[in-house]
């Protein structure tokens, strides 16, 4: 049960950090005077971060299913050794 709190907490912290970043970027762009065009230079970094995070999550899920399907997660009895 404790693992769920850690996952939810990390997800909340990540989403809160992204919301703070978007707020800061919007505020900074409004001070520059370019409006929404001022946000243009940061979007490649945001998209890159999302792509890298999705790729890492996909790889870790593949690794978890691969190890489970090939028996690497099975417990070994001491009597079998």
PDB file of N, CA and C in Angstrom:
ATOM      1  N   UNK A   1       0.824  -1.190   0.000  1.00  0.00           N
ATOM      2  CA  UNK A   1       0.000   0.000   0.000  1.00  0.00           C
ATOM      3  C   UNK A   1       0.867   1.252   0.000  1.00  0.00           C
ATOM      4  N   UNK A   2       2.020   1.168   0.623  1.00  0.00           N
ATOM      5  CA  UNK A   2       2.887   2.333   0.705  1.00  0.00           C
ATOM      6  C   UNK A   2       3.435   2.714  -0.664  1.00  0.00           C
ATOM      7  N   UNK A   3       3.608   1.728  -1.536  1.00  0.00           N
ATOM      8  CA  UNK A   3       4.124   2.000  -2.874  1.00  0.00           C
ATOM      9  C   UNK A   3       3.177   2.905  -3.653  1.00  0.00           C
ATOM     10  N   UNK A   4       1.872   2.728  -3.450  1.00  0.00           N
ATOM     11  CA  UNK A   4       0.912   3.578  -4.145  1.00  0.00           C
ATOM     12  C   UNK A   4       1.076   5.033  -3.748  1.00  0.00           C
ATOM     13  N   UNK A   5       1.321   5.300  -2.497  1.00  0.00           N
ATOM     14  CA  UNK A   5       1.506   6.670  -2.045  1.00  0.00           C
ATOM     15  C   UNK A   5       2.758   7.282  -2.666  1.00  0.00           C
ATOM     16  N   UNK A   6       3.789   6.502  -2.806  1.00  0.00           N
ATOM     17  CA  UNK A   6       5.027   7.008  -3.414  1.00  0.00           C
ATOM     18  C   UNK A   6       4.789   7.336  -4.879  1.00  0.00           C
ATOM     19  N   UNK A   7       4.114   6.462  -5.600  1.00  0.00           N
ATOM     20  CA  UNK A   7       3.838   6.699  -7.022  1.00  0.00           C
ATOM     21  C   UNK A   7       2.935   7.915  -7.188  1.00  0.00           C
ATOM     22  N   UNK A   8       1.881   7.988  -6.390  1.00  0.00           N
ATOM     23  CA  UNK A   8       0.980   9.137  -6.481  1.00  0.00           C
ATOM     24  C   UNK A   8       1.711  10.420  -6.097  1.00  0.00           C
ATOM     25  N   UNK A   9       2.554  10.345  -5.095  1.00  0.00           N
ATOM     26  CA  UNK A   9       3.307  11.519  -4.682  1.00  0.00           C
ATOM     27  C   UNK A   9       4.263  11.989  -5.765  1.00  0.00           C
ATOM     28  N   UNK A  10       4.963  11.053  -6.393  1.00  0.00           N
ATOM     29  CA  UNK A  10       5.882  11.429  -7.465  1.00  0.00           C
ATOM     30  C   UNK A  10       5.127  11.988  -8.675  1.00  0.00           C
ATOM     31  N   UNK A  11       3.980  11.407  -8.991  1.00  0.00           N
ATOM     32  CA  UNK A  11       3.175  11.918 -10.093  1.00  0.00           C
ATOM     33  C   UNK A  11       2.681  13.329  -9.786  1.00  0.00           C
ATOM     34  N   UNK A  12       2.242  13.543  -8.560  1.00  0.00           N
ATOM     35  CA  UNK A  12       1.782  14.875  -8.171  1.00  0.00           C
ATOM     36  C   UNK A  12       2.909  15.889  -8.229  1.00  0.00           C
ATOM     37  N   UNK A  13       4.083  15.514  -7.733  1.00  0.00           N
ATOM     38  CA  UNK A  13       5.224  16.427  -7.763  1.00  0.00           C
ATOM     39  C   UNK A  13       5.621  16.749  -9.205  1.00  0.00           C
ATOM     40  N   UNK A  14       5.600  15.735 -10.081  1.00  0.00           N
ATOM     41  CA  UNK A  14       5.929  15.966 -11.484  1.00  0.00           C
ATOM     42  C   UNK A  14       4.935  16.895 -12.165  1.00  0.00           C
ATOM     43  N   UNK A  15       3.647  16.649 -11.943  1.00  0.00           N
ATOM     44  CA  UNK A  15       2.631  17.513 -12.544  1.00  0.00           C
ATOM     45  C   UNK A  15       2.667  18.917 -11.965  1.00  0.00           C
ATOM     46  N   UNK A  16       2.928  19.027 -10.667  1.00  0.00           N
ATOM     47  CA  UNK A  16       3.036  20.348 -10.055  1.00  0.00           C
ATOM     48  C   UNK A  16       4.244  21.099 -10.603  1.00  0.00           C
ATOM     49  N   UNK A  17       5.355  20.398 -10.788  1.00  0.00           N
ATOM     50  CA  UNK A  17       6.539  21.033 -11.362  1.00  0.00           C
ATOM     51  C   UNK A  17       6.283  21.514 -12.784  1.00  0.00           C
ATOM     52  N   UNK A  18       5.591  20.696 -13.575  1.00  0.00           N
ATOM     53  CA  UNK A  18       5.262  21.109 -14.936  1.00  0.00           C
ATOM     54  C   UNK A  18       4.320  22.309 -14.930  1.00  0.00           C
ATOM     55  N   UNK A  19       3.355  22.319 -14.016  1.00  0.00           N
ATOM     56  CA  UNK A  19       2.436  23.456 -13.927  1.00  0.00           C
ATOM     57  C   UNK A  19       3.183  24.727 -13.520  1.00  0.00           C
ATOM     58  N   UNK A  20       4.114  24.592 -12.588  1.00  0.00           N
ATOM     59  CA  UNK A  20       4.924  25.756 -12.205  1.00  0.00           C
ATOM     60  C   UNK A  20       5.772  26.246 -13.368  1.00  0.00           C
ATOM     61  N   UNK A  21       6.343  25.320 -14.120  1.00  0.00           N
ATOM     62  CA  UNK A  21       7.136  25.702 -15.278  1.00  0.00           C
ATOM     63  C   UNK A  21       6.283  26.433 -16.304  1.00  0.00           C
ATOM     64  N   UNK A  22       5.083  25.928 -16.581  1.00  0.00           N
ATOM     65  CA  UNK A  22       4.202  26.589 -17.547  1.00  0.00           C
ATOM     66  C   UNK A  22       3.792  27.972 -17.054  1.00  0.00           C
ATOM     67  N   UNK A  23       3.516  28.084 -15.771  1.00  0.00           N
ATOM     68  CA  UNK A  23       3.179  29.396 -15.211  1.00  0.00           C
ATOM     69  C   UNK A  23       4.334  30.371 -15.305  1.00  0.00           C
ATOM     70  N   UNK A  24       5.520  29.899 -14.991  1.00  0.00           N
ATOM     71  CA  UNK A  24       6.698  30.759 -15.090  1.00  0.00           C
ATOM     72  C   UNK A  24       6.940  31.180 -16.536  1.00  0.00           C
ATOM     73  N   UNK A  25       6.822  30.231 -17.464  1.00  0.00           N
ATOM     74  CA  UNK A  25       7.054  30.537 -18.874  1.00  0.00           C
ATOM     75  C   UNK A  25       6.030  31.550 -19.377  1.00  0.00           C
ATOM     76  N   UNK A  26       4.771  31.385 -19.001  1.00  0.00           N
ATOM     77  CA  UNK A  26       3.739  32.322 -19.428  1.00  0.00           C
ATOM     78  C   UNK A  26       4.010  33.707 -18.853  1.00  0.00           C
ATOM     79  N   UNK A  27       4.385  33.765 -17.564  1.00  0.00           N
ATOM     80  CA  UNK A  27       4.680  35.041 -16.927  1.00  0.00           C
ATOM     81  C   UNK A  27       5.894  35.703 -17.573  1.00  0.00           C
ATOM     82  N   UNK A  28       6.937  34.929 -17.833  1.00  0.00           N
ATOM     83  CA  UNK A  28       8.138  35.485 -18.452  1.00  0.00           C
ATOM     84  C   UNK A  28       7.847  35.972 -19.866  1.00  0.00           C
ATOM     85  N   UNK A  29       7.031  35.232 -20.594  1.00  0.00           N
ATOM     86  CA  UNK A  29       6.702  35.640 -21.956  1.00  0.00           C
ATOM     87  C   UNK A  29       5.846  36.902 -21.966  1.00  0.00           C
ATOM     88  N   UNK A  30       5.004  37.069 -20.948  1.00  0.00           N
ATOM     89  CA  UNK A  30       4.181  38.272 -20.907  1.00  0.00           C
ATOM     90  C   UNK A  30       5.023  39.507 -20.611  1.00  0.00           C
ATOM     91  N   UNK A  31       6.120  39.346 -19.891  1.00  0.00           N
ATOM     92  CA  UNK A  31       7.007  40.476 -19.607  1.00  0.00           C
ATOM     93  C   UNK A  31       7.842  40.857 -20.825  1.00  0.00           C
ATOM     94  N   UNK A  32       8.151  39.891 -21.674  1.00  0.00           N
ATOM     95  CA  UNK A  32       8.953  40.169 -22.859  1.00  0.00           C
ATOM     96  C   UNK A  32       8.121  40.924 -23.887  1.00  0.00           C
ATOM     97  N   UNK A  33       6.848  40.597 -23.970  1.00  0.00           N
ATOM     98  CA  UNK A  33       5.967  41.297 -24.881  1.00  0.00           C
ATOM     99  C   UNK A  33       5.695  40.559 -26.174  1.00  0.00           C
ATOM    100  N   UNK A  34       6.178  39.339 -26.323  1.00  0.00           N
ATOM    101  CA  UNK A  34       5.920  38.576 -27.535  1.00  0.00           C
ATOM    102  C   UNK A  34       4.639  37.756 -27.454  1.00  0.00           C
ATOM    103  N   UNK A  35       4.020  37.715 -26.311  1.00  0.00           N
ATOM    104  CA  UNK A  35       2.804  36.923 -26.154  1.00  0.00           C
ATOM    105  C   UNK A  35       3.104  35.435 -26.271  1.00  0.00           C
ATOM    106  N   UNK A  36       2.225  34.706 -26.946  1.00  0.00           N
ATOM    107  CA  UNK A  36       2.405  33.266 -27.097  1.00  0.00           C
ATOM    108  C   UNK A  36       3.608  32.927 -27.960  1.00  0.00           C
ATOM    109  N   UNK A  37       3.998  33.834 -28.853  1.00  0.00           N
ATOM    110  CA  UNK A  37       5.180  33.581 -29.678  1.00  0.00           C
ATOM    111  C   UNK A  37       6.443  33.516 -28.826  1.00  0.00           C
ATOM    112  N   UNK A  38       6.430  34.140 -27.670  1.00  0.00           N
ATOM    113  CA  UNK A  38       7.577  34.090 -26.772  1.00  0.00           C
ATOM    114  C   UNK A  38       7.809  32.714 -26.163  1.00  0.00           C
ATOM    115  N   UNK A  39       6.782  31.873 -26.187  1.00  0.00           N
ATOM    116  CA  UNK A  39       6.913  30.521 -25.653  1.00  0.00           C
ATOM    117  C   UNK A  39       7.521  29.549 -26.662  1.00  0.00           C
ATOM    118  N   UNK A  40       7.649  29.959 -27.899  1.00  0.00           N
ATOM    119  CA  UNK A  40       8.142  29.094 -28.955  1.00  0.00           C
ATOM    120  C   UNK A  40       9.467  28.415 -28.669  1.00  0.00           C
ATOM    121  N   UNK A  41      10.475  29.125 -28.160  1.00  0.00           N
ATOM    122  CA  UNK A  41      11.775  28.478 -27.955  1.00  0.00           C
ATOM    123  C   UNK A  41      11.793  27.373 -26.896  1.00  0.00           C
ATOM    124  N   UNK A  42      10.838  27.356 -25.981  1.00  0.00           N
ATOM    125  CA  UNK A  42      10.898  26.343 -24.913  1.00  0.00           C
ATOM    126  C   UNK A  42      10.141  25.072 -25.246  1.00  0.00           C
ATOM    127  N   UNK A  43       9.228  25.113 -26.231  1.00  0.00           N
ATOM    128  CA  UNK A  43       8.417  23.938 -26.523  1.00  0.00           C
ATOM    129  C   UNK A  43       9.225  22.739 -26.997  1.00  0.00           C
ATOM    130  N   UNK A  44      10.310  22.901 -27.755  1.00  0.00           N
ATOM    131  CA  UNK A  44      11.097  21.705 -28.097  1.00  0.00           C
ATOM    132  C   UNK A  44      11.655  20.992 -26.870  1.00  0.00           C
ATOM    133  N   UNK A  45      12.024  21.751 -25.848  1.00  0.00           N
ATOM    134  CA  UNK A  45      12.528  21.127 -24.621  1.00  0.00           C
ATOM    135  C   UNK A  45      11.419  20.393 -23.875  1.00  0.00           C
ATOM    136  N   UNK A  46      10.238  20.969 -23.850  1.00  0.00           N
ATOM    137  CA  UNK A  46       9.098  20.317 -23.193  1.00  0.00           C
ATOM    138  C   UNK A  46       8.740  19.028 -23.940  1.00  0.00           C
ATOM    139  N   UNK A  47       8.648  19.107 -25.264  1.00  0.00           N
ATOM    140  CA  UNK A  47       8.309  17.927 -26.058  1.00  0.00           C
ATOM    141  C   UNK A  47       9.409  16.869 -25.922  1.00  0.00           C
ATOM    142  N   UNK A  48      10.664  17.307 -25.930  1.00  0.00           N
ATOM    143  CA  UNK A  48      11.771  16.362 -25.759  1.00  0.00           C
ATOM    144  C   UNK A  48      11.715  15.657 -24.417  1.00  0.00           C
ATOM    145  N   UNK A  49      11.396  16.390 -23.368  1.00  0.00           N
ATOM    146  CA  UNK A  49      11.272  15.781 -22.049  1.00  0.00           C
ATOM    147  C   UNK A  49      10.149  14.775 -21.979  1.00  0.00           C
ATOM    148  N   UNK A  50       9.028  15.091 -22.612  1.00  0.00           N
ATOM    149  CA  UNK A  50       7.894  14.167 -22.630  1.00  0.00           C
ATOM    150  C   UNK A  50       8.255  12.906 -23.421  1.00  0.00           C
ATOM    151  N   UNK A  51       8.934  13.079 -24.559  1.00  0.00           N
ATOM    152  CA  UNK A  51       9.315  11.923 -25.381  1.00  0.00           C
ATOM    153  C   UNK A  51      10.309  11.037 -24.644  1.00  0.00           C
ATOM    154  N   UNK A  52      11.302  11.631 -24.005  1.00  0.00           N
ATOM    155  CA  UNK A  52      12.299  10.845 -23.267  1.00  0.00           C
ATOM    156  C   UNK A  52      11.645  10.116 -22.095  1.00  0.00           C
ATOM    157  N   UNK A  53      10.758  10.786 -21.388  1.00  0.00           N
ATOM    158  CA  UNK A  53      10.073  10.154 -20.263  1.00  0.00           C
ATOM    159  C   UNK A  53       9.184   9.005 -20.739  1.00  0.00           C
ATOM    160  N   UNK A  54       8.477   9.202 -21.848  1.00  0.00           N
ATOM    161  CA  UNK A  54       7.633   8.136 -22.388  1.00  0.00           C
ATOM    162  C   UNK A  54       8.482   6.955 -22.861  1.00  0.00           C
ATOM    163  N   UNK A  55       9.622   7.245 -23.482  1.00  0.00           N
ATOM    164  CA  UNK A  55      10.500   6.165 -23.938  1.00  0.00           C
ATOM    165  C   UNK A  55      11.058   5.382 -22.755  1.00  0.00           C
ATOM    166  N   UNK A  56      11.456   6.069 -21.705  1.00  0.00           N
ATOM    167  CA  UNK A  56      11.971   5.393 -20.514  1.00  0.00           C
ATOM    168  C   UNK A  56      10.881   4.546 -19.863  1.00  0.00           C
ATOM    169  N   UNK A  57       9.673   5.084 -19.757  1.00  0.00           N
ATOM    170  CA  UNK A  57       8.567   4.320 -19.171  1.00  0.00           C
ATOM    171  C   UNK A  57       8.254   3.100 -20.021  1.00  0.00           C
ATOM    172  N   UNK A  58       8.240   3.268 -21.339  1.00  0.00           N
ATOM    173  CA  UNK A  58       7.982   2.139 -22.226  1.00  0.00           C
ATOM    174  C   UNK A  58       9.049   1.066 -22.112  1.00  0.00           C
ATOM    175  N   UNK A  59      10.309   1.478 -22.040  1.00  0.00           N
ATOM    176  CA  UNK A  59      11.400   0.510 -21.900  1.00  0.00           C
ATOM    177  C   UNK A  59      11.309  -0.240 -20.577  1.00  0.00           C
ATOM    178  N   UNK A  60      11.021   0.460 -19.505  1.00  0.00           N
ATOM    179  CA  UNK A  60      10.926  -0.197 -18.202  1.00  0.00           C
ATOM    180  C   UNK A  60       9.732  -1.149 -18.148  1.00  0.00           C
ATOM    181  N   UNK A  61       8.620  -0.785 -18.792  1.00  0.00           N
ATOM    182  CA  UNK A  61       7.479  -1.709 -18.841  1.00  0.00           C
ATOM    183  C   UNK A  61       7.818  -2.934 -19.672  1.00  0.00           C
ATOM    184  N   UNK A  62       8.490  -2.736 -20.814  1.00  0.00           N
ATOM    185  CA  UNK A  62       8.914  -3.868 -21.633  1.00  0.00           C
ATOM    186  C   UNK A  62       9.838  -4.772 -20.828  1.00  0.00           C
ATOM    187  N   UNK A  63      10.772  -4.186 -20.089  1.00  0.00           N
ATOM    188  CA  UNK A  63      11.707  -4.966 -19.296  1.00  0.00           C
ATOM    189  C   UNK A  63      10.983  -5.760 -18.213  1.00  0.00           C
ATOM    190  N   UNK A  64       9.997  -5.162 -17.578  1.00  0.00           N
ATOM    191  CA  UNK A  64       9.241  -5.861 -16.541  1.00  0.00           C
ATOM    192  C   UNK A  64       8.471  -7.036 -17.132  1.00  0.00           C
ATOM    193  N   UNK A  65       7.807  -6.841 -18.259  1.00  0.00           N
ATOM    194  CA  UNK A  65       7.058  -7.935 -18.880  1.00  0.00           C
ATOM    195  C   UNK A  65       7.996  -8.995 -19.442  1.00  0.00           C
ATOM    196  N   UNK A  66       9.128  -8.598 -19.985  1.00  0.00           N
ATOM    197  CA  UNK A  66      10.088  -9.556 -20.524  1.00  0.00           C
ATOM    198  C   UNK A  66      10.607 -10.469 -19.415  1.00  0.00           C
ATOM    199  N   UNK A  67      10.998  -9.861 -18.288  1.00  0.00           N
ATOM    200  CA  UNK A  67      11.532 -10.678 -17.201  1.00  0.00           C
ATOM    201  C   UNK A  67      10.461 -11.576 -16.593  1.00  0.00           C
ATOM    202  N   UNK A  68       9.221 -11.087 -16.527  1.00  0.00           N
ATOM    203  CA  UNK A  68       8.137 -11.914 -15.979  1.00  0.00           C
ATOM    204  C   UNK A  68       7.805 -13.070 -16.916  1.00  0.00           C
ATOM    205  N   UNK A  69       7.792 -12.815 -18.213  1.00  0.00           N
ATOM    206  CA  UNK A  69       7.441 -13.863 -19.186  1.00  0.00           C
ATOM    207  C   UNK A  69       8.536 -14.904 -19.350  1.00  0.00           C
ATOM    208  N   UNK A  70       9.767 -14.566 -19.052  1.00  0.00           N
ATOM    209  CA  UNK A  70      10.868 -15.508 -19.216  1.00  0.00           C
ATOM    210  C   UNK A  70      11.292 -16.157 -17.899  1.00  0.00           C
ATOM    211  N   UNK A  71      10.537 -15.925 -16.840  1.00  0.00           N
ATOM    212  CA  UNK A  71      10.776 -16.618 -15.580  1.00  0.00           C
ATOM    213  C   UNK A  71      11.871 -16.032 -14.711  1.00  0.00           C
ATOM    214  N   UNK A  72      12.354 -14.847 -15.035  1.00  0.00           N
ATOM    215  CA  UNK A  72      13.407 -14.252 -14.209  1.00  0.00           C
ATOM    216  C   UNK A  72      12.892 -13.768 -12.861  1.00  0.00           C
ATOM    217  N   UNK A  73      11.579 -13.612 -12.734  1.00  0.00           N
ATOM    218  CA  UNK A  73      11.000 -13.136 -11.488  1.00  0.00           C
ATOM    219  C   UNK A  73      10.531 -14.269 -10.577  1.00  0.00           C
ATOM    220  N   UNK A  74      10.708 -15.522 -11.007  1.00  0.00           N
ATOM    221  CA  UNK A  74      10.277 -16.650 -10.199  1.00  0.00           C
ATOM    222  C   UNK A  74      11.192 -16.816  -8.987  1.00  0.00           C
ATOM    223  N   UNK A  75      10.571 -17.222  -7.901  1.00  0.00           N
ATOM    224  CA  UNK A  75      11.358 -17.486  -6.691  1.00  0.00           C
ATOM    225  C   UNK A  75      12.037 -18.839  -6.811  1.00  0.00           C
ATOM    226  N   UNK A  76      13.226 -18.933  -6.270  1.00  0.00           N
ATOM    227  CA  UNK A  76      13.987 -20.177  -6.295  1.00  0.00           C
ATOM    228  C   UNK A  76      14.008 -20.756  -4.886  1.00  0.00           C
ATOM    229  N   UNK A  77      13.610 -22.004  -4.763  1.00  0.00           N
ATOM    230  CA  UNK A  77      13.676 -22.671  -3.478  1.00  0.00           C
ATOM    231  C   UNK A  77      15.135 -23.035  -3.172  1.00  0.00           C
ATOM    232  N   UNK A  78      15.483 -22.959  -1.936  1.00  0.00           N
ATOM    233  CA  UNK A  78      16.845 -23.309  -1.535  1.00  0.00           C
ATOM    234  C   UNK A  78      17.111 -24.810  -1.713  1.00  0.00           C
ATOM    235  N   UNK A  79      16.037 -25.614  -1.682  1.00  0.00           N
ATOM    236  CA  UNK A  79      16.199 -27.045  -1.855  1.00  0.00           C
ATOM    237  C   UNK A  79      16.599 -27.404  -3.289  1.00  0.00           C
ATOM    238  N   UNK A  80      16.242 -26.552  -4.255  1.00  0.00           N
ATOM    239  CA  UNK A  80      16.569 -26.811  -5.651  1.00  0.00           C
ATOM    240  C   UNK A  80      18.035 -26.543  -5.976  1.00  0.00           C
ATOM    241  N   UNK A  81      18.715 -25.803  -5.109  1.00  0.00           N
ATOM    242  CA  UNK A  81      20.105 -25.471  -5.388  1.00  0.00           C
ATOM    243  C   UNK A  81      20.938 -26.617  -4.948  1.00  0.00           C
TER     244      UNK A  81
END
